[in-house]
Amino acid sequence: MNKNRFAKRLAVAAGFFFLCAALGLTRAQSSPPGPAQTRRRPTPVGRPTNDAGPTDDFAGLKYTNDQQAKIDEIHQNMKSRMDAVIKDEKLNADQKAAMLQGLQRMERSEVYKVLTTEQQATVRKVMLARRAADQAERQKQSPPK
């Protein structure tokens, strides 16, 4: 009972932290807004999918039985925390989305800590390659100044 209550409190605290950080970052931007800004639709509420994105950085790794057990435990803990956030009626859609994104980051960080030094090096290489490709794609899409 106390574990569940602690998990809820931790999830709410993490969400507010990430929400405040996001608000601070948006206020810190000094560039003037574009001529016609469209309003962003709120992120749909629900458990985020792991189809693409940073979680693919772990693809192809071979885990030991001990590592797999720890990773499964991490996934189960995060799933229960995410479910608690989704069911929390006190939060609006943006707050839930921010909290879920923060929990996903925490999950990836915890899984990364379980990896061996060699596996961590492999994941870092994949991440750097993905980021470089994303940056090249953004530069290709943006008009020259």
N, C-alpha and C. Protein backbone atom coordinates (compact mmCIF):
# COMPACT_ATOMS: atom_id res chain seq x y z
N MET A 1 0.83 -1.19 0.00
CA MET A 1 0.00 0.00 0.00
C MET A 1 0.88 1.25 0.00
N ASN A 2 1.91 1.28 0.87
CA ASN A 2 2.78 2.43 0.94
C ASN A 2 3.62 2.57 -0.32
N LYS A 3 3.97 1.44 -0.94
CA LYS A 3 4.75 1.47 -2.17
C LYS A 3 3.97 2.15 -3.29
N ASN A 4 2.70 1.83 -3.40
CA ASN A 4 1.85 2.42 -4.43
C ASN A 4 1.68 3.91 -4.19
N ARG A 5 1.48 4.30 -2.95
CA ARG A 5 1.34 5.71 -2.61
C ARG A 5 2.62 6.46 -2.91
N PHE A 6 3.77 5.85 -2.58
CA PHE A 6 5.07 6.47 -2.87
C PHE A 6 5.26 6.61 -4.38
N ALA A 7 4.89 5.60 -5.14
CA ALA A 7 5.04 5.65 -6.60
C ALA A 7 4.20 6.78 -7.18
N LYS A 8 2.99 6.96 -6.68
CA LYS A 8 2.14 8.04 -7.17
C LYS A 8 2.75 9.40 -6.85
N ARG A 9 3.23 9.54 -5.64
CA ARG A 9 3.82 10.82 -5.25
C ARG A 9 5.07 11.12 -6.07
N LEU A 10 5.88 10.09 -6.31
CA LEU A 10 7.08 10.27 -7.10
C LEU A 10 6.73 10.64 -8.54
N ALA A 11 5.73 10.01 -9.08
CA ALA A 11 5.31 10.31 -10.46
C ALA A 11 4.80 11.74 -10.57
N VAL A 12 4.01 12.17 -9.60
CA VAL A 12 3.49 13.53 -9.62
C VAL A 12 4.62 14.54 -9.46
N ALA A 13 5.55 14.26 -8.56
CA ALA A 13 6.68 15.17 -8.36
C ALA A 13 7.54 15.26 -9.62
N ALA A 14 7.80 14.13 -10.25
CA ALA A 14 8.60 14.14 -11.48
C ALA A 14 7.88 14.91 -12.57
N GLY A 15 6.60 14.75 -12.66
CA GLY A 15 5.82 15.46 -13.67
C GLY A 15 5.87 16.97 -13.48
N PHE A 16 5.70 17.41 -12.26
CA PHE A 16 5.77 18.84 -12.01
C PHE A 16 7.17 19.38 -12.28
N PHE A 17 8.17 18.61 -11.96
CA PHE A 17 9.54 19.03 -12.25
C PHE A 17 9.73 19.23 -13.74
N PHE A 18 9.33 18.25 -14.54
CA PHE A 18 9.51 18.35 -15.99
C PHE A 18 8.62 19.44 -16.58
N LEU A 19 7.45 19.64 -16.02
CA LEU A 19 6.56 20.69 -16.49
C LEU A 19 7.17 22.06 -16.23
N CYS A 20 7.70 22.25 -15.04
CA CYS A 20 8.34 23.53 -14.71
C CYS A 20 9.57 23.76 -15.57
N ALA A 21 10.35 22.72 -15.81
CA ALA A 21 11.53 22.85 -16.65
C ALA A 21 11.14 23.23 -18.07
N ALA A 22 10.08 22.62 -18.59
CA ALA A 22 9.63 22.94 -19.94
C ALA A 22 9.14 24.38 -20.02
N LEU A 23 8.42 24.85 -19.02
CA LEU A 23 7.94 26.22 -19.02
C LEU A 23 9.11 27.20 -18.96
N GLY A 24 10.11 26.90 -18.16
CA GLY A 24 11.29 27.76 -18.06
C GLY A 24 12.05 27.83 -19.36
N LEU A 25 12.16 26.70 -20.05
CA LEU A 25 12.87 26.69 -21.31
C LEU A 25 12.13 27.49 -22.38
N THR A 26 10.83 27.40 -22.40
CA THR A 26 10.08 28.14 -23.41
C THR A 26 10.14 29.63 -23.16
N ARG A 27 10.19 30.03 -21.92
CA ARG A 27 10.29 31.46 -21.60
C ARG A 27 11.69 32.00 -21.87
N ALA A 28 12.69 31.13 -21.83
CA ALA A 28 14.08 31.55 -22.01
C ALA A 28 14.43 31.80 -23.46
N GLN A 29 13.61 31.39 -24.37
CA GLN A 29 13.91 31.59 -25.78
C GLN A 29 13.84 33.07 -26.10
N SER A 30 14.85 33.56 -26.79
CA SER A 30 14.91 34.99 -27.06
C SER A 30 14.50 35.34 -28.48
N SER A 31 14.35 34.36 -29.35
CA SER A 31 13.98 34.67 -30.73
C SER A 31 12.52 35.07 -30.79
N PRO A 32 12.22 36.08 -31.63
CA PRO A 32 10.82 36.51 -31.74
C PRO A 32 9.99 35.45 -32.44
N PRO A 33 8.71 35.37 -32.12
CA PRO A 33 7.87 34.37 -32.75
C PRO A 33 7.69 34.67 -34.23
N GLY A 34 7.41 33.61 -34.99
CA GLY A 34 7.18 33.75 -36.42
C GLY A 34 5.91 34.54 -36.69
N PRO A 35 5.66 34.92 -37.95
CA PRO A 35 4.50 35.75 -38.25
C PRO A 35 3.16 35.07 -37.97
N ALA A 36 3.04 33.81 -38.29
CA ALA A 36 1.75 33.13 -38.09
C ALA A 36 1.99 31.84 -37.33
N GLN A 37 1.80 31.90 -36.02
CA GLN A 37 1.99 30.71 -35.22
C GLN A 37 0.67 29.96 -35.11
N THR A 38 0.74 28.68 -35.34
CA THR A 38 -0.44 27.86 -35.16
C THR A 38 -0.41 27.26 -33.77
N ARG A 39 -1.56 27.10 -33.22
CA ARG A 39 -1.64 26.55 -31.88
C ARG A 39 -1.49 25.05 -31.94
N ARG A 40 -0.63 24.53 -31.08
CA ARG A 40 -0.40 23.09 -31.04
C ARG A 40 -1.53 22.40 -30.32
N ARG A 41 -1.92 21.28 -30.88
CA ARG A 41 -2.93 20.48 -30.20
C ARG A 41 -2.26 19.75 -29.04
N PRO A 42 -2.96 19.58 -27.93
CA PRO A 42 -2.37 18.84 -26.82
C PRO A 42 -2.10 17.39 -27.22
N THR A 43 -1.07 16.87 -26.62
CA THR A 43 -0.70 15.49 -26.90
C THR A 43 -1.80 14.57 -26.40
N PRO A 44 -2.17 13.56 -27.20
CA PRO A 44 -3.21 12.66 -26.73
C PRO A 44 -2.77 11.93 -25.47
N VAL A 45 -3.72 11.77 -24.56
CA VAL A 45 -3.41 11.12 -23.31
C VAL A 45 -3.52 9.62 -23.49
N GLY A 46 -2.59 8.95 -22.96
CA GLY A 46 -2.55 7.51 -23.07
C GLY A 46 -1.12 7.07 -22.93
N ARG A 47 -0.92 5.83 -22.83
CA ARG A 47 0.42 5.30 -22.67
C ARG A 47 1.18 5.50 -23.96
N PRO A 48 2.36 6.16 -23.91
CA PRO A 48 3.11 6.40 -25.12
C PRO A 48 3.56 5.08 -25.74
N THR A 49 3.65 5.09 -27.05
CA THR A 49 4.10 3.89 -27.73
C THR A 49 5.61 3.91 -27.84
N ASN A 50 6.19 2.75 -27.88
CA ASN A 50 7.63 2.63 -27.99
C ASN A 50 8.02 2.16 -29.38
N ASP A 51 7.23 2.54 -30.40
CA ASP A 51 7.48 2.08 -31.75
C ASP A 51 8.78 2.64 -32.31
N ALA A 52 9.02 3.90 -32.12
CA ALA A 52 10.22 4.52 -32.69
C ALA A 52 10.78 5.49 -31.67
N GLY A 53 12.00 5.90 -31.91
CA GLY A 53 12.58 6.89 -31.03
C GLY A 53 13.72 6.31 -30.23
N PRO A 54 14.05 6.99 -29.13
CA PRO A 54 15.23 6.64 -28.37
C PRO A 54 15.24 5.20 -27.84
N THR A 55 14.08 4.58 -27.62
CA THR A 55 14.10 3.22 -27.12
C THR A 55 14.71 2.25 -28.13
N ASP A 56 14.73 2.64 -29.41
CA ASP A 56 15.36 1.80 -30.42
C ASP A 56 16.87 1.75 -30.25
N ASP A 57 17.41 2.63 -29.44
CA ASP A 57 18.85 2.65 -29.20
C ASP A 57 19.33 1.37 -28.54
N PHE A 58 18.44 0.65 -27.88
CA PHE A 58 18.79 -0.58 -27.20
C PHE A 58 18.57 -1.82 -28.08
N ALA A 59 18.05 -1.61 -29.28
CA ALA A 59 17.73 -2.73 -30.16
C ALA A 59 19.01 -3.47 -30.55
N GLY A 60 18.92 -4.78 -30.60
CA GLY A 60 20.05 -5.60 -31.04
C GLY A 60 20.99 -6.02 -29.94
N LEU A 61 20.79 -5.52 -28.73
CA LEU A 61 21.67 -5.91 -27.63
C LEU A 61 21.28 -7.28 -27.10
N LYS A 62 22.26 -8.05 -26.71
CA LYS A 62 22.02 -9.37 -26.10
C LYS A 62 22.20 -9.22 -24.60
N TYR A 63 21.14 -9.52 -23.85
CA TYR A 63 21.17 -9.37 -22.41
C TYR A 63 21.42 -10.72 -21.73
N THR A 64 22.08 -10.65 -20.57
CA THR A 64 22.20 -11.85 -19.75
C THR A 64 20.86 -12.06 -19.05
N ASN A 65 20.68 -13.23 -18.45
CA ASN A 65 19.42 -13.50 -17.73
C ASN A 65 19.21 -12.51 -16.59
N ASP A 66 20.31 -12.17 -15.89
CA ASP A 66 20.23 -11.22 -14.79
C ASP A 66 19.82 -9.84 -15.29
N GLN A 67 20.45 -9.41 -16.40
CA GLN A 67 20.11 -8.12 -16.97
C GLN A 67 18.64 -8.09 -17.41
N GLN A 68 18.21 -9.15 -18.07
CA GLN A 68 16.83 -9.20 -18.56
C GLN A 68 15.84 -9.14 -17.40
N ALA A 69 16.16 -9.80 -16.30
CA ALA A 69 15.27 -9.77 -15.14
C ALA A 69 15.18 -8.35 -14.57
N LYS A 70 16.33 -7.66 -14.48
CA LYS A 70 16.33 -6.29 -13.96
C LYS A 70 15.58 -5.35 -14.91
N ILE A 71 15.77 -5.53 -16.21
CA ILE A 71 15.10 -4.69 -17.19
C ILE A 71 13.59 -4.92 -17.14
N ASP A 72 13.18 -6.17 -17.01
CA ASP A 72 11.75 -6.47 -16.90
C ASP A 72 11.15 -5.82 -15.65
N GLU A 73 11.90 -5.84 -14.56
CA GLU A 73 11.43 -5.20 -13.32
C GLU A 73 11.30 -3.69 -13.51
N ILE A 74 12.26 -3.08 -14.19
CA ILE A 74 12.20 -1.65 -14.47
C ILE A 74 10.97 -1.33 -15.31
N HIS A 75 10.73 -2.13 -16.35
CA HIS A 75 9.57 -1.90 -17.21
C HIS A 75 8.26 -2.02 -16.42
N GLN A 76 8.18 -3.01 -15.55
CA GLN A 76 6.96 -3.19 -14.75
C GLN A 76 6.73 -2.01 -13.80
N ASN A 77 7.81 -1.56 -13.15
CA ASN A 77 7.68 -0.41 -12.24
C ASN A 77 7.23 0.84 -12.99
N MET A 78 7.82 1.08 -14.13
CA MET A 78 7.46 2.27 -14.90
C MET A 78 6.05 2.16 -15.46
N LYS A 79 5.65 0.96 -15.84
CA LYS A 79 4.30 0.77 -16.37
C LYS A 79 3.28 1.12 -15.29
N SER A 80 3.53 0.70 -14.06
CA SER A 80 2.58 1.02 -12.99
C SER A 80 2.56 2.52 -12.71
N ARG A 81 3.72 3.16 -12.79
CA ARG A 81 3.78 4.61 -12.58
C ARG A 81 3.05 5.35 -13.70
N MET A 82 3.26 4.90 -14.93
CA MET A 82 2.60 5.54 -16.08
C MET A 82 1.09 5.35 -16.01
N ASP A 83 0.66 4.17 -15.61
CA ASP A 83 -0.77 3.92 -15.47
C ASP A 83 -1.38 4.83 -14.41
N ALA A 84 -0.63 5.06 -13.33
CA ALA A 84 -1.12 5.95 -12.27
C ALA A 84 -1.26 7.38 -12.80
N VAL A 85 -0.32 7.82 -13.62
CA VAL A 85 -0.40 9.16 -14.19
C VAL A 85 -1.60 9.27 -15.12
N ILE A 86 -1.81 8.26 -15.95
CA ILE A 86 -2.91 8.27 -16.90
C ILE A 86 -4.25 8.34 -16.18
N LYS A 87 -4.37 7.65 -15.06
CA LYS A 87 -5.63 7.59 -14.32
C LYS A 87 -5.85 8.81 -13.42
N ASP A 88 -4.80 9.61 -13.20
CA ASP A 88 -4.90 10.76 -12.32
C ASP A 88 -5.79 11.83 -12.96
N GLU A 89 -6.92 12.08 -12.36
CA GLU A 89 -7.89 13.03 -12.92
C GLU A 89 -7.56 14.48 -12.56
N LYS A 90 -6.60 14.69 -11.69
CA LYS A 90 -6.23 16.05 -11.29
C LYS A 90 -5.34 16.72 -12.32
N LEU A 91 -4.74 15.94 -13.21
CA LEU A 91 -3.81 16.49 -14.19
C LEU A 91 -4.51 16.70 -15.53
N ASN A 92 -4.12 17.77 -16.23
CA ASN A 92 -4.67 17.97 -17.57
C ASN A 92 -3.81 17.19 -18.57
N ALA A 93 -4.19 17.23 -19.83
CA ALA A 93 -3.52 16.42 -20.85
C ALA A 93 -2.06 16.79 -21.02
N ASP A 94 -1.74 18.08 -20.98
CA ASP A 94 -0.35 18.51 -21.14
C ASP A 94 0.51 18.05 -19.96
N GLN A 95 -0.03 18.14 -18.76
CA GLN A 95 0.71 17.70 -17.59
C GLN A 95 0.97 16.20 -17.65
N LYS A 96 -0.06 15.45 -18.06
CA LYS A 96 0.11 14.00 -18.17
C LYS A 96 1.16 13.66 -19.22
N ALA A 97 1.13 14.35 -20.35
CA ALA A 97 2.10 14.09 -21.41
C ALA A 97 3.52 14.39 -20.92
N ALA A 98 3.69 15.49 -20.20
CA ALA A 98 5.01 15.85 -19.67
C ALA A 98 5.50 14.80 -18.67
N MET A 99 4.60 14.37 -17.80
CA MET A 99 4.99 13.37 -16.81
C MET A 99 5.33 12.04 -17.47
N LEU A 100 4.55 11.64 -18.45
CA LEU A 100 4.83 10.38 -19.14
C LEU A 100 6.16 10.44 -19.88
N GLN A 101 6.44 11.57 -20.49
CA GLN A 101 7.72 11.72 -21.18
C GLN A 101 8.88 11.65 -20.17
N GLY A 102 8.72 12.28 -19.03
CA GLY A 102 9.75 12.22 -17.99
C GLY A 102 9.95 10.80 -17.47
N LEU A 103 8.86 10.07 -17.31
CA LEU A 103 8.98 8.68 -16.85
C LEU A 103 9.68 7.81 -17.89
N GLN A 104 9.43 8.08 -19.17
CA GLN A 104 10.13 7.33 -20.21
C GLN A 104 11.63 7.60 -20.16
N ARG A 105 12.00 8.85 -19.93
CA ARG A 105 13.43 9.18 -19.80
C ARG A 105 14.04 8.45 -18.61
N MET A 106 13.32 8.45 -17.50
CA MET A 106 13.81 7.75 -16.31
C MET A 106 13.99 6.27 -16.60
N GLU A 107 13.04 5.68 -17.31
CA GLU A 107 13.10 4.26 -17.63
C GLU A 107 14.34 3.95 -18.48
N ARG A 108 14.56 4.76 -19.52
CA ARG A 108 15.74 4.53 -20.37
C ARG A 108 17.03 4.69 -19.58
N SER A 109 17.05 5.66 -18.68
CA SER A 109 18.24 5.88 -17.85
C SER A 109 18.51 4.68 -16.95
N GLU A 110 17.47 4.13 -16.35
CA GLU A 110 17.64 2.98 -15.47
C GLU A 110 18.08 1.75 -16.26
N VAL A 111 17.52 1.55 -17.45
CA VAL A 111 17.92 0.41 -18.28
C VAL A 111 19.38 0.58 -18.69
N TYR A 112 19.78 1.79 -19.01
CA TYR A 112 21.17 2.07 -19.41
C TYR A 112 22.14 1.69 -18.29
N LYS A 113 21.76 1.95 -17.05
CA LYS A 113 22.63 1.64 -15.90
C LYS A 113 22.83 0.14 -15.73
N VAL A 114 21.89 -0.68 -16.22
CA VAL A 114 21.98 -2.13 -16.09
C VAL A 114 22.99 -2.71 -17.08
N LEU A 115 23.26 -1.99 -18.16
CA LEU A 115 24.11 -2.50 -19.22
C LEU A 115 25.58 -2.56 -18.81
N THR A 116 26.32 -3.43 -19.49
CA THR A 116 27.77 -3.50 -19.28
C THR A 116 28.41 -2.29 -19.95
N THR A 117 29.69 -2.07 -19.67
CA THR A 117 30.42 -0.96 -20.25
C THR A 117 30.42 -1.04 -21.78
N GLU A 118 30.60 -2.24 -22.31
CA GLU A 118 30.62 -2.42 -23.76
C GLU A 118 29.24 -2.13 -24.37
N GLN A 119 28.19 -2.60 -23.70
CA GLN A 119 26.84 -2.34 -24.19
C GLN A 119 26.51 -0.84 -24.14
N GLN A 120 26.97 -0.18 -23.08
CA GLN A 120 26.74 1.26 -22.97
C GLN A 120 27.44 2.01 -24.10
N ALA A 121 28.66 1.57 -24.43
CA ALA A 121 29.39 2.19 -25.54
C ALA A 121 28.64 2.00 -26.85
N THR A 122 28.08 0.82 -27.06
CA THR A 122 27.31 0.55 -28.27
C THR A 122 26.08 1.45 -28.34
N VAL A 123 25.38 1.58 -27.23
CA VAL A 123 24.18 2.43 -27.18
C VAL A 123 24.56 3.88 -27.45
N ARG A 124 25.67 4.35 -26.87
CA ARG A 124 26.10 5.73 -27.11
C ARG A 124 26.38 5.97 -28.59
N LYS A 125 27.03 5.00 -29.24
CA LYS A 125 27.31 5.14 -30.68
C LYS A 125 26.03 5.22 -31.48
N VAL A 126 25.06 4.38 -31.15
CA VAL A 126 23.78 4.39 -31.87
C VAL A 126 23.07 5.72 -31.64
N MET A 127 23.08 6.21 -30.41
CA MET A 127 22.43 7.48 -30.09
C MET A 127 23.07 8.64 -30.86
N LEU A 128 24.40 8.67 -30.87
CA LEU A 128 25.09 9.75 -31.56
C LEU A 128 24.81 9.71 -33.06
N ALA A 129 24.78 8.51 -33.63
CA ALA A 129 24.48 8.37 -35.06
C ALA A 129 23.06 8.84 -35.36
N ARG A 130 22.11 8.47 -34.49
CA ARG A 130 20.72 8.89 -34.68
C ARG A 130 20.59 10.39 -34.58
N ARG A 131 21.25 10.99 -33.60
CA ARG A 131 21.18 12.44 -33.44
C ARG A 131 21.80 13.17 -34.62
N ALA A 132 22.93 12.66 -35.12
CA ALA A 132 23.57 13.27 -36.28
C ALA A 132 22.65 13.18 -37.50
N ALA A 133 22.00 12.05 -37.68
CA ALA A 133 21.07 11.89 -38.80
C ALA A 133 19.87 12.83 -38.65
N ASP A 134 19.36 12.96 -37.44
CA ASP A 134 18.24 13.88 -37.20
C ASP A 134 18.64 15.32 -37.49
N GLN A 135 19.84 15.69 -37.06
CA GLN A 135 20.32 17.05 -37.29
C GLN A 135 20.52 17.31 -38.78
N ALA A 136 21.07 16.34 -39.49
CA ALA A 136 21.26 16.49 -40.94
C ALA A 136 19.91 16.63 -41.64
N GLU A 137 18.94 15.87 -41.20
CA GLU A 137 17.60 15.94 -41.79
C GLU A 137 16.96 17.31 -41.53
N ARG A 138 17.12 17.83 -40.31
CA ARG A 138 16.57 19.15 -40.00
C ARG A 138 17.24 20.24 -40.84
N GLN A 139 18.55 20.14 -41.02
CA GLN A 139 19.25 21.12 -41.83
C GLN A 139 18.83 21.06 -43.29
N LYS A 140 18.57 19.86 -43.76
CA LYS A 140 18.15 19.67 -45.14
C LYS A 140 16.76 20.26 -45.35
N GLN A 141 15.89 20.15 -44.35
CA GLN A 141 14.52 20.63 -44.48
C GLN A 141 14.40 22.13 -44.28
N SER A 142 15.29 22.74 -43.51
CA SER A 142 15.18 24.17 -43.24
C SER A 142 15.71 24.95 -44.44
N PRO A 143 15.02 26.04 -44.79
CA PRO A 143 15.47 26.84 -45.93
C PRO A 143 16.76 27.58 -45.59
N PRO A 144 17.63 27.78 -46.57
CA PRO A 144 18.88 28.51 -46.30
C PRO A 144 18.59 29.99 -45.99
N LYS A 145 19.43 30.56 -45.15
CA LYS A 145 19.22 31.96 -44.73
C LYS A 145 20.04 32.89 -45.56
